[in-house]
C-alpha atoms as a PDB file:
ATOM      1  CA  MET A   1     -16.605  35.809  43.102  1.00  0.00           C
ATOM      2  CA  ASP A   2     -13.705  33.743  44.424  1.00  0.00           C
ATOM      3  CA  PHE A   3     -16.193  31.063  45.421  1.00  0.00           C
ATOM      4  CA  LEU A   4     -17.590  30.865  41.894  1.00  0.00           C
ATOM      5  CA  LEU A   5     -14.104  30.742  40.402  1.00  0.00           C
ATOM      6  CA  ALA A   6     -13.068  27.995  42.846  1.00  0.00           C
ATOM      7  CA  PHE A   7     -16.315  26.132  42.113  1.00  0.00           C
ATOM      8  CA  ALA A   8     -15.719  26.359  38.340  1.00  0.00           C
ATOM      9  CA  VAL A   9     -12.082  25.234  38.632  1.00  0.00           C
ATOM     10  CA  THR A  10     -13.080  22.322  40.887  1.00  0.00           C
ATOM     11  CA  GLY A  11     -15.859  21.344  38.494  1.00  0.00           C
ATOM     12  CA  LEU A  12     -13.494  21.385  35.514  1.00  0.00           C
ATOM     13  CA  ALA A  13     -10.874  19.416  37.413  1.00  0.00           C
ATOM     14  CA  ALA A  14     -13.446  16.840  38.476  1.00  0.00           C
ATOM     15  CA  SER A  15     -14.966  16.455  35.023  1.00  0.00           C
ATOM     16  CA  GLY A  16     -11.795  16.951  33.000  1.00  0.00           C
ATOM     17  CA  GLY A  17     -11.089  13.223  32.956  1.00  0.00           C
ATOM     18  CA  TRP A  18     -14.545  12.499  31.594  1.00  0.00           C
ATOM     19  CA  ILE A  19     -14.162  15.193  28.974  1.00  0.00           C
ATOM     20  CA  ALA A  20     -10.795  13.781  27.911  1.00  0.00           C
ATOM     21  CA  TRP A  21     -12.214  10.228  27.895  1.00  0.00           C
ATOM     22  CA  ALA A  22     -15.143  11.330  25.714  1.00  0.00           C
ATOM     23  CA  ALA A  23     -12.816  13.152  23.315  1.00  0.00           C
ATOM     24  CA  VAL A  24     -10.523  10.130  22.958  1.00  0.00           C
ATOM     25  CA  ARG A  25     -13.492   7.789  22.518  1.00  0.00           C
ATOM     26  CA  SER A  26     -14.999  10.056  19.883  1.00  0.00           C
ATOM     27  CA  TRP A  27     -11.689  10.263  18.027  1.00  0.00           C
ATOM     28  CA  SER A  28     -11.268   6.476  18.047  1.00  0.00           C
ATOM     29  CA  ARG A  29     -14.821   5.970  16.761  1.00  0.00           C
ATOM     30  CA  ILE A  30     -14.218   8.432  13.933  1.00  0.00           C
ATOM     31  CA  ARG A  31     -10.940   6.673  13.079  1.00  0.00           C
ATOM     32  CA  ASP A  32     -12.606   3.239  13.161  1.00  0.00           C
ATOM     33  CA  ARG A  33     -15.433   4.462  10.946  1.00  0.00           C
ATOM     34  CA  ARG A  34     -12.978   5.827   8.365  1.00  0.00           C
ATOM     35  CA  HIS A  35     -11.144   2.497   8.427  1.00  0.00           C
ATOM     36  CA  GLU A  36     -14.397   0.571   7.933  1.00  0.00           C
ATOM     37  CA  LEU A  37     -15.340   2.799   5.001  1.00  0.00           C
ATOM     38  CA  ARG A  38     -11.938   2.228   3.378  1.00  0.00           C
ATOM     39  CA  LEU A  39     -12.348  -1.526   3.815  1.00  0.00           C
ATOM     40  CA  ALA A  40     -15.864  -1.404   2.348  1.00  0.00           C
ATOM     41  CA  ARG A  41     -14.590   0.521  -0.692  1.00  0.00           C
ATOM     42  CA  ALA A  42     -11.780  -1.992  -1.171  1.00  0.00           C
ATOM     43  CA  ARG A  43     -14.218  -4.909  -0.904  1.00  0.00           C
ATOM     44  CA  ALA A  44     -16.567  -3.288  -3.421  1.00  0.00           C
ATOM     45  CA  ALA A  45     -13.699  -2.717  -5.848  1.00  0.00           C
ATOM     46  CA  ALA A  46     -12.560  -6.326  -5.401  1.00  0.00           C
ATOM     47  CA  ASP A  47     -16.099  -7.610  -6.024  1.00  0.00           C
ATOM     48  CA  ILE A  48     -16.366  -5.539  -9.198  1.00  0.00           C
ATOM     49  CA  ARG A  49     -12.980  -6.796 -10.404  1.00  0.00           C
ATOM     50  CA  ARG A  50     -13.954 -10.390  -9.573  1.00  0.00           C
ATOM     51  CA  ALA A  51     -17.171 -10.004 -11.595  1.00  0.00           C
ATOM     52  CA  GLU A  52     -15.236  -8.541 -14.532  1.00  0.00           C
ATOM     53  CA  LEU A  53     -12.798 -11.456 -14.467  1.00  0.00           C
ATOM     54  CA  ALA A  54     -15.645 -13.958 -14.264  1.00  0.00           C
ATOM     55  CA  ALA A  55     -17.267 -12.319 -17.289  1.00  0.00           C
ATOM     56  CA  GLN A  56     -13.989 -12.552 -19.208  1.00  0.00           C
ATOM     57  CA  VAL A  57     -13.646 -16.231 -18.273  1.00  0.00           C
ATOM     58  CA  ARG A  58     -17.213 -16.919 -19.467  1.00  0.00           C
ATOM     59  CA  GLU A  59     -16.468 -15.105 -22.723  1.00  0.00           C
ATOM     60  CA  ILE A  60     -13.309 -17.168 -23.276  1.00  0.00           C
ATOM     61  CA  GLU A  61     -15.142 -20.416 -22.463  1.00  0.00           C
ATOM     62  CA  LEU A  62     -17.927 -19.533 -24.894  1.00  0.00           C
ATOM     63  CA  ALA A  63     -15.399 -18.757 -27.625  1.00  0.00           C
ATOM     64  CA  ASN A  64     -13.668 -22.072 -26.938  1.00  0.00           C
ATOM     65  CA  GLU A  65     -16.962 -23.985 -27.087  1.00  0.00           C
ATOM     66  CA  THR A  66     -17.825 -22.254 -30.358  1.00  0.00           C
ATOM     67  CA  TYR A  67     -14.436 -23.187 -31.808  1.00  0.00           C
ATOM     68  CA  GLN A  68     -14.685 -26.803 -30.605  1.00  0.00           C
ATOM     69  CA  ASP A  69     -18.172 -27.062 -32.102  1.00  0.00           C
ATOM     70  CA  PHE A  70     -16.873 -25.709 -35.415  1.00  0.00           C
ATOM     71  CA  VAL A  71     -14.013 -28.233 -35.417  1.00  0.00           C
ATOM     72  CA  ARG A  72     -16.434 -31.083 -34.664  1.00  0.00           C
ATOM     73  CA  ARG A  73     -18.782 -30.073 -37.479  1.00  0.00           C
ATOM     74  CA  HIS A  74     -16.003 -29.445 -40.015  1.00  0.00           C
ATOM     75  CA  PRO A  75     -13.359 -32.124 -39.501  1.00  0.00           C
ATOM     76  CA  GLU A  76     -11.678 -31.446 -42.843  1.00  0.00           C
ATOM     77  CA  ARG A  77     -10.128 -28.200 -41.630  1.00  0.00           C
END
């Protein structure tokens, strides 16, 4: 029984570094993945906002062209 206990303790001591390394690596991958997901959400929100602003600019330009066309066709006003 002492032999098995000594064998188990030696095995844990020998592989403990690998276990700790794997745990730290796993934690850093999880943290990196969360960070990447946050960045992707921020990029998606920025793209949506950029598209909304572009649509507003197109709407304003169209209204301006319509007004300029009206002024050209009706110079008396």
